[in-house]
Protein backbone atom coordinates (compact mmCIF):
# COMPACT_ATOMS: atom_id res chain seq x y z
CA MET A 1 104.01 123.21 98.56
CA SER A 2 107.56 123.56 99.85
CA SER A 3 108.82 120.83 97.49
CA THR A 4 106.93 121.54 94.26
CA ALA A 5 108.65 122.99 91.20
CA GLY A 6 105.49 124.69 89.95
CA ARG A 7 104.26 128.21 90.70
CA ALA A 8 101.21 128.99 92.77
CA VAL A 9 98.38 130.85 91.02
CA GLU A 10 95.36 132.58 92.51
CA ASP A 11 93.58 133.21 89.22
CA PRO A 12 91.23 130.28 88.43
CA TYR A 13 91.25 131.18 84.71
CA SER A 14 95.04 130.84 84.40
CA TRP A 15 94.96 127.62 86.38
CA MET A 16 92.27 126.09 84.14
CA GLN A 17 94.46 126.90 81.12
CA ALA A 18 97.16 124.70 82.62
CA VAL A 19 94.57 121.99 83.44
CA HIS A 20 93.40 121.84 79.82
CA TRP A 21 97.01 121.79 78.60
CA VAL A 22 97.81 118.74 80.79
CA HIS A 23 94.62 117.06 79.61
CA GLY A 24 95.58 117.63 75.98
CA THR A 25 99.07 116.19 76.38
CA GLY A 26 97.79 112.87 77.77
CA ALA A 27 100.71 112.75 80.18
CA HIS A 28 98.69 110.92 82.87
CA ARG A 29 96.64 107.84 82.07
CA ARG A 30 93.89 108.66 84.61
CA PHE A 31 93.63 112.34 83.63
CA ASN A 32 90.35 112.59 81.69
CA VAL A 33 87.21 114.72 81.36
CA THR A 34 86.11 113.85 84.89
CA THR A 35 89.43 115.20 86.20
CA VAL A 36 88.77 118.47 84.35
CA ARG A 37 85.29 118.66 85.90
CA LEU A 38 86.84 118.14 89.33
CA ALA A 39 89.33 120.92 88.59
CA GLN A 40 86.45 123.26 87.71
CA ILE A 41 84.94 122.69 91.15
CA LEU A 42 88.30 123.30 92.83
CA ALA A 43 88.70 126.53 90.85
CA GLU A 44 85.50 127.84 92.45
CA LEU A 45 86.75 127.32 96.02
CA ASN A 46 88.66 129.96 97.93
CA PRO A 47 90.46 128.72 99.92
CA CYS A 48 90.84 125.43 98.06
CA ARG A 49 89.67 123.18 100.88
CA PRO A 50 87.30 120.55 99.45
CA GLY A 51 85.92 117.63 101.39
CA VAL A 52 85.75 114.26 99.69
CA GLU A 53 82.03 113.90 100.50
CA TYR A 54 81.35 117.30 98.93
CA LEU A 55 83.17 116.30 95.74
CA MET A 56 81.36 112.95 95.67
CA ARG A 57 78.03 114.76 95.83
CA ARG A 58 78.92 117.32 93.15
CA LEU A 59 80.37 114.81 90.69
CA ALA A 60 78.19 111.77 91.52
CA LEU A 61 81.30 109.62 91.96
CA SER A 62 82.49 107.11 94.52
CA GLU A 63 85.02 107.97 97.19
CA ARG A 64 87.74 105.97 95.49
CA ALA A 65 87.13 107.70 92.14
CA VAL A 66 87.39 111.14 93.73
CA GLN A 67 90.65 110.16 95.40
CA TYR A 68 92.02 108.88 92.07
CA HIS A 69 91.29 112.15 90.27
CA LEU A 70 92.69 114.27 93.12
CA ALA A 71 95.84 112.15 92.94
CA ALA A 72 96.02 112.74 89.18
CA LEU A 73 95.94 116.52 89.74
CA ARG A 74 98.68 116.26 92.36
CA GLU A 75 100.87 113.93 90.30
CA THR A 76 100.76 116.26 87.28
CA GLY A 77 101.81 119.26 89.40
CA LEU A 78 98.43 121.08 89.33
CA LEU A 79 97.76 120.76 93.07
CA ALA A 80 100.00 120.88 96.10
CA TYR A 81 99.24 120.31 99.75
CA ILE A 82 99.31 123.20 102.18
CA SER A 83 98.08 120.94 104.96
CA LYS A 84 96.87 117.38 104.76
CA GLY A 85 93.52 116.45 106.27
CA THR A 86 93.25 114.49 109.48
CA ARG A 87 90.79 111.91 110.72
CA ARG A 88 91.16 111.14 114.41
CA ARG A 89 88.81 109.27 116.69
CA GLY A 90 86.75 111.58 118.86
CA ALA A 91 87.51 114.69 116.77
CA LEU A 92 85.93 116.24 113.71
CA PRO A 93 87.66 115.25 110.44
CA GLN A 94 89.63 118.06 108.81
CA ALA A 95 89.68 118.49 105.04
CA SER A 96 92.96 118.89 103.19
CA VAL A 97 93.94 122.40 102.10
CA PHE A 98 95.43 122.70 98.61
CA THR A 99 97.01 125.41 96.56
CA ARG A 100 96.51 125.56 92.81
CA THR A 101 99.83 125.39 90.97
CA VAL A 102 101.01 125.56 87.37
CA PRO A 103 103.64 122.91 86.56
CA LEU A 104 107.05 123.98 85.34
CA ALA A 105 106.59 121.92 82.16
CA PHE A 106 103.70 124.21 81.15
CA ASP A 107 105.89 127.32 81.35
CA VAL A 108 108.68 125.62 79.41
CA ALA A 109 106.38 124.33 76.66
CA LEU A 110 104.73 127.71 76.05
CA GLY A 111 107.86 129.79 76.62
CA ILE A 112 106.44 131.72 79.60
CA ARG A 113 109.03 133.95 81.27
CA CYS A 114 108.75 134.37 85.02
CA THR A 115 110.37 136.56 87.61
CA HIS A 116 110.85 135.66 91.25
CA GLN A 117 108.81 137.61 93.73
CA GLY A 118 109.54 136.45 97.25
CA LEU A 119 108.96 132.71 97.44
CA THR A 120 106.80 132.56 94.28
CA ARG A 121 107.27 133.10 90.54
CA ARG A 122 105.23 135.63 88.58
CA PRO A 123 104.83 135.41 84.75
CA VAL A 124 106.02 138.51 82.88
CA GLY A 125 105.97 137.39 79.22
CA ILE A 126 105.44 134.62 76.71
CA ALA A 127 107.28 133.48 73.60
CA GLU A 128 105.79 133.92 70.13
CA HIS A 129 105.29 130.20 69.54
CA GLY A 130 103.13 129.95 72.68
CA ARG A 131 100.70 132.80 71.97
CA LYS A 132 98.42 130.84 69.64
CA LEU A 133 98.29 127.89 72.03
CA ILE A 134 97.57 130.04 75.09
CA ALA A 135 94.67 131.61 73.17
CA LYS A 136 93.18 128.17 72.45
CA LEU A 137 93.61 127.17 76.08
CA GLY A 138 91.90 130.39 77.12
CA LYS A 139 88.82 129.50 75.07
CA LYS A 140 88.68 126.07 76.71
CA ALA A 141 89.13 127.58 80.18
CA SER A 142 86.23 129.95 79.65
CA ARG A 143 83.82 127.11 78.78
CA LYS A 144 82.24 124.72 81.25
CA VAL A 145 83.04 121.05 80.75
CA ARG A 146 79.92 119.06 81.53
CA ALA A 147 79.38 115.39 82.26
CA PRO A 148 79.10 113.25 79.12
CA ARG A 149 75.61 112.26 78.12
CA PRO A 150 74.57 108.69 78.91
CA LYS A 151 74.66 106.27 76.03
CA LYS A 152 71.45 105.48 74.22
CA ALA A 153 69.37 102.75 75.78
CA ARG A 154 69.41 99.40 74.13
CA THR A 155 66.58 98.39 71.88
CA ALA A 156 63.65 96.42 73.24
CA ALA A 157 64.90 93.25 71.52
CA ALA A 158 68.24 93.50 73.32
CA ARG A 159 66.64 94.24 76.71
CA CYS A 160 64.09 91.43 76.76
CA THR A 161 64.94 88.04 78.26
CA PRO A 162 64.21 84.88 76.23
CA MET A 163 61.60 82.50 77.61
CA GLU A 164 64.23 79.85 78.39
CA GLY A 165 65.63 82.20 81.03
CA GLY A 166 69.03 83.83 81.39
CA SER A 167 70.53 86.94 79.93
CA VAL A 168 70.93 87.73 76.23
CA LEU A 169 74.57 88.64 76.82
CA PRO A 170 76.90 85.66 77.36
CA SER A 171 78.49 84.91 80.71
CA LEU A 172 82.07 85.96 81.45
CA THR A 173 82.96 82.65 83.09
CA HIS A 174 82.18 80.01 80.44
CA SER A 175 84.63 80.46 77.59
CA PRO A 176 87.08 83.10 76.37
CA THR A 177 84.98 83.77 73.27
CA SER A 178 81.93 84.68 75.38
CA VAL A 179 83.38 87.97 76.59
CA PRO A 180 82.03 91.05 74.77
CA LEU A 181 84.92 92.48 72.77
CA GLU A 182 85.74 96.13 72.18
CA THR A 183 85.91 97.01 68.49
CA SER A 184 87.43 99.94 66.75
CA GLY A 185 83.98 101.38 66.04
CA GLY A 186 82.75 101.17 69.62
CA ASN A 187 80.38 98.24 69.01
CA ARG A 188 80.63 95.05 71.02
CA GLU A 189 80.64 91.61 69.39
CA LEU A 190 78.63 88.64 70.58
CA ALA A 191 80.03 85.15 71.15
CA THR A 192 79.09 84.03 67.64
CA GLY A 193 81.39 86.64 66.07
CA GLU A 194 78.48 88.67 64.66
CA THR A 195 77.35 92.10 65.78
CA LYS A 196 73.87 92.79 67.07
CA ASN A 197 72.59 94.10 63.74
CA GLY A 198 73.88 91.06 61.86
CA SER A 199 76.69 92.89 60.04
CA THR A 200 80.26 91.66 59.71
CA PRO A 201 82.26 92.38 62.89
CA ARG A 202 84.93 95.01 62.64
CA ARG A 203 88.55 94.35 63.34
CA LEU A 204 89.56 94.54 67.01
CA ASN A 205 91.57 97.52 68.10
CA LYS A 206 94.45 97.43 70.58
CA ILE A 207 92.23 97.59 73.66
CA GLY A 208 89.93 94.89 72.31
CA ARG A 209 92.81 92.50 71.73
CA ARG A 210 94.01 93.04 75.30
CA PHE A 211 90.61 92.18 76.73
CA GLN A 212 90.27 89.15 74.46
CA LEU A 213 93.66 87.76 75.51
CA ALA A 214 92.94 88.52 79.18
CA ALA A 215 89.63 86.63 79.07
CA GLU A 216 91.28 83.62 77.44
CA LEU A 217 94.08 83.53 80.04
CA LYS A 218 91.53 83.88 82.84
CA SER A 219 89.67 80.80 81.60
CA ARG A 220 92.87 78.74 81.10
CA ILE A 221 95.03 79.53 84.12
CA LEU A 222 93.54 78.53 87.45
CA TRP A 223 95.26 81.13 89.65
CA LEU A 224 93.97 83.94 87.40
CA SER A 225 90.32 83.18 88.16
CA ARG A 226 90.00 85.87 90.88
CA PRO A 227 91.21 89.16 89.32
CA PRO A 228 88.83 90.88 86.88
CA VAL A 229 89.40 90.78 83.13
CA ALA A 230 90.12 94.52 83.00
CA ARG A 231 93.01 94.22 85.45
CA ILE A 232 94.55 91.28 83.60
CA ALA A 233 94.22 93.24 80.35
CA TRP A 234 96.14 96.13 81.91
CA VAL A 235 98.92 93.77 83.10
CA ILE A 236 99.36 91.98 79.74
CA ALA A 237 99.20 95.16 77.65
CA GLU A 238 102.84 94.92 76.51
CA VAL A 239 102.73 91.31 75.31
CA SER A 240 99.26 91.75 73.79
CA ASP A 241 100.42 94.76 71.77
CA ALA A 242 103.39 92.66 70.60
CA GLY A 243 101.00 90.11 69.08
CA TRP A 244 101.30 87.31 71.65
CA THR A 245 98.68 84.56 71.86
CA ALA A 246 97.37 82.77 74.95
CA ASP A 247 99.48 79.69 74.07
CA GLU A 248 102.63 81.82 73.97
CA VAL A 249 101.86 83.47 77.32
CA GLU A 250 101.28 80.05 78.89
CA ALA A 251 104.55 78.75 77.42
CA TRP A 252 106.42 81.70 78.92
CA LEU A 253 104.80 81.16 82.34
CA HIS A 254 105.72 77.44 82.24
CA LEU A 255 109.43 78.28 81.94
CA ARG A 256 109.47 78.66 85.72
CA PRO A 257 107.43 76.64 88.23
CA SER A 258 104.43 78.38 89.74
CA ALA A 259 104.46 79.44 93.39
CA ASP A 260 102.68 77.30 95.98
CA VAL A 261 100.66 80.25 97.31
CA ILE A 262 99.78 83.27 95.14
CA THR A 263 98.19 86.01 97.22
CA ARG A 264 98.06 88.67 94.47
CA PRO A 265 97.64 86.99 91.07
CA SER A 266 97.81 90.16 88.96
CA GLY A 267 101.05 91.25 90.62
CA PHE A 268 102.51 87.76 90.23
CA LEU A 269 101.60 87.79 86.54
CA ALA A 270 103.14 91.24 86.06
CA ALA A 271 106.39 90.09 87.68
CA ARG A 272 106.55 86.97 85.49
CA LEU A 273 105.99 88.97 82.27
CA VAL A 274 108.77 91.50 82.90
CA GLY A 275 111.02 91.53 79.82
CA ALA A 276 109.00 88.83 78.03
CA ALA A 277 108.24 90.95 74.97
CA VAL A 278 111.96 91.73 74.55
CA VAL A 279 113.26 88.16 75.05
CA TRP A 280 110.68 86.57 72.75
CA ALA A 281 110.43 89.32 70.16
CA ASP A 282 110.58 86.85 67.24
CA PRO A 283 107.19 85.20 66.48
CA LYS A 284 108.92 82.08 65.13
CA ALA A 285 110.88 81.67 68.35
CA ARG A 286 107.65 81.99 70.32
CA GLN A 287 106.01 79.29 68.17
CA ARG A 288 108.93 76.91 68.71
CA ALA A 289 108.70 77.52 72.45
CA VAL A 290 104.96 76.77 72.39
CA GLU A 291 105.57 73.44 70.62
CA ALA A 292 108.33 72.51 73.08
CA SER A 293 106.12 73.40 76.04
CA ARG A 294 103.25 71.34 74.63
CA GLU A 295 105.48 68.29 74.10
CA SER A 296 106.84 68.64 77.63
CA ARG A 297 103.34 68.73 79.13
CA ILE A 298 102.26 65.71 77.06
CA SER A 299 105.26 63.64 78.19
CA THR A 300 104.63 64.65 81.81
CA SER A 301 100.98 63.62 81.60
CA GLU A 302 101.99 60.28 80.04
CA ARG A 303 104.38 59.60 82.92
CA HIS A 304 101.66 60.36 85.45
CA ALA A 305 99.19 58.11 83.62
CA GLU A 306 101.78 55.32 83.51
CA SER A 307 102.52 55.58 87.24
CA ASN A 308 98.79 55.51 88.08
CA ALA A 309 98.02 52.56 85.80
CA PRO A 310 96.48 49.45 87.51
CA LEU A 311 98.99 46.81 88.59
CA ARG A 312 99.13 43.62 86.54
CA PRO A 313 100.63 40.40 87.93
CA ALA A 314 103.82 39.04 86.41
CA ARG A 315 103.32 36.16 83.97
CA SER A 316 106.49 34.37 84.97
CA SER A 317 106.15 32.23 88.11
CA SER A 318 109.86 32.68 88.94
CA VAL A 319 109.61 36.47 88.76
CA MET A 320 106.44 36.42 90.89
CA ALA A 321 108.13 34.20 93.46
CA ALA A 322 111.21 36.49 93.62
CA VAL A 323 109.12 39.65 94.01
CA LEU A 324 106.84 38.12 96.64
CA ALA A 325 109.82 36.78 98.57
CA GLY A 326 111.39 40.23 98.60
CA ILE A 327 108.09 41.74 99.77
CA GLY A 328 107.90 39.19 102.58
CA GLU A 329 111.45 39.92 103.73
CA GLY A 330 110.83 43.65 103.63
CA LEU A 331 107.62 43.34 105.63
CA ALA A 332 109.38 41.18 108.22
CA ARG A 333 112.16 43.76 108.68
CA LEU A 334 109.64 46.58 108.84
CA SER A 335 107.59 44.65 111.43
CA ALA A 336 110.68 44.13 113.59
CA ASP A 337 111.58 47.82 113.39
CA CYS A 338 108.04 48.79 114.37
CA ARG A 339 108.08 46.46 117.38
CA ALA A 340 111.45 47.88 118.46
CA LYS A 341 110.09 51.42 118.29
CA GLY A 342 106.86 50.55 120.08
CA LEU A 343 104.67 51.05 117.03
CA ASP A 344 101.88 48.83 115.69
CA ASP A 345 103.04 45.35 114.74
CA LEU A 346 102.65 44.49 111.06
CA THR A 347 102.80 40.70 111.44
CA GLY A 348 99.05 40.55 110.94
CA LEU A 349 99.38 41.58 107.29
CA PRO A 350 98.82 38.80 104.72
CA LYS A 351 101.84 36.64 104.07
CA PRO A 352 102.46 36.36 100.31
CA ALA A 353 102.77 32.87 98.89
CA ALA A 354 104.71 31.91 95.77
CA THR A 355 102.41 31.86 92.80
CA GLU A 356 98.80 32.44 93.75
CA GLN A 357 96.99 35.39 92.18
CA ASP A 358 95.10 36.43 95.36
CA ASP A 359 98.28 36.52 97.41
CA TRP A 360 99.95 38.70 94.78
CA ASP A 361 97.09 41.22 94.89
CA GLN A 362 97.10 41.29 98.69
CA ALA A 363 100.84 41.81 98.89
CA ALA A 364 100.82 44.51 96.23
CA ALA A 365 97.99 46.33 98.04
CA ALA A 366 99.89 46.12 101.32
CA MET A 367 103.03 47.58 99.72
CA VAL A 368 101.12 50.47 98.15
CA ALA A 369 99.35 51.18 101.45
CA LEU A 370 102.67 51.28 103.29
CA PHE A 371 104.92 53.07 100.82
CA GLY A 372 102.49 54.89 98.50
CA ASP A 373 103.24 55.76 94.88
CA GLN A 374 106.89 54.76 95.13
CA ALA A 375 105.94 51.09 95.71
CA ARG A 376 103.37 51.28 92.91
CA THR A 377 106.03 52.51 90.49
CA VAL A 378 108.50 49.78 91.50
CA LEU A 379 105.92 47.01 91.14
CA ALA A 380 104.69 48.34 87.80
CA THR A 381 108.28 48.47 86.49
CA ALA A 382 109.05 44.93 87.67
CA THR A 383 105.95 43.40 86.08
CA ARG A 384 106.47 45.31 82.80
CA GLU A 385 110.10 44.24 82.44
CA HIS A 386 109.48 40.53 83.16
CA SER A 387 105.99 39.97 81.78
C-alpha cells in the first residue's frame, strides 16, 4: 500500500465502479467476468482478508486460476497488499490482507478531483464529461455478475461413438488440419472443412488463424511437440496476425541453427520470433526466403544421401591397385603406432591385394570401421572420379 498511486476506498460500491471501468477498458488480458465475480466477493469482506481455499470454493475455480485473477486485480491497481500471507512449517498459514484501491487512471479518465486527507486522497468533485459514465458504472456496480451459463449439450449424434471405435472429434496429434478451428461465429470446423450441420464453413477469425498455424507448427517442428497448441498460438500471435504461413515461420527459424538442448520450447520460439514480423514485413520477401530455404534443405539432403551411398569398386585396375596400396600403407603405419602406444595390434586385419573384388570390399570395410564417414566419403570420391 505504501507504493501504490491509487487511493484506498472503504465503500464497496465505489470500488466496484472502478472494477467495472477497468473491465470495460480491456487494459489487462486476463481481466474478465470471472475477475469481476472475484471482486464482488472481495467487496463483501471487511477486512479484505480472503483465503485462496475460500475463493476456490466460492468460485469453483482451481488454485492457479484464483491466483491469476488476484494478480490481475493487483496489476491493474485495484488491490494492494497490507500484509502478505505466510506459510511456514509447523504454524498455521496466514491469509494475505488487502486494501481495496481505485487506480489513478480512473480518476484522471473521469475527471475526479481529490483532496489530500492525511495519507489518503478523498474525492470532492467530478468533471462534466465523467458524470454520464459514472452513472453507467453505478448501474453495473449495483447488479450482481453471475457465472455464465454452460453451453448447450451436444446433440445425440455428436455424442455417440461409431461402432469402429474412437472419438467423433479428430485427434490433435495426427495432422494440422485435424485440430478443431475457432470460427468467427463460434462454431468449430471438422477436419474435412465442413461444419457439423453440413453448411459451408465460415471464415476464420484472428484467434482461429493463430490456433491453425500453431497446430501446423506443432506437427512439423519436433521440439514443439511438448507445449500445448494454445501456448504456441499465444507465442506466434504477432506473425500469425501479419499473415505468415507455417513455411515462412520454418524458413525464419532455419536462419539460425537450433540449440542442442531446448528446455523451454515456447520461450525458445518466442525469442527466435522477436522482430520477425518487422524484418520480413513484405510477403514477397518471405516467399523468396521460403524458396531459398527449401533449396538449401534439398541440397543438404542430397549431400547426405551421396555420402551414405553404397561403395562401388573402381573399374580401373590401376586405380584400384593405387588405392589398395595406399590403404595397406596407412594400415601398417596405424598398426605400428598402436603397438608403440600399447593398444591392440591391427596386423590381423585383411591385407588388400591388387585387383580382387573381395579384397577391395574387405579393405573398404576396414577403413570405414576405423575412420567412419570420413573414409567412406574419400573412397566414394575416388571411385566416382576414376570409374
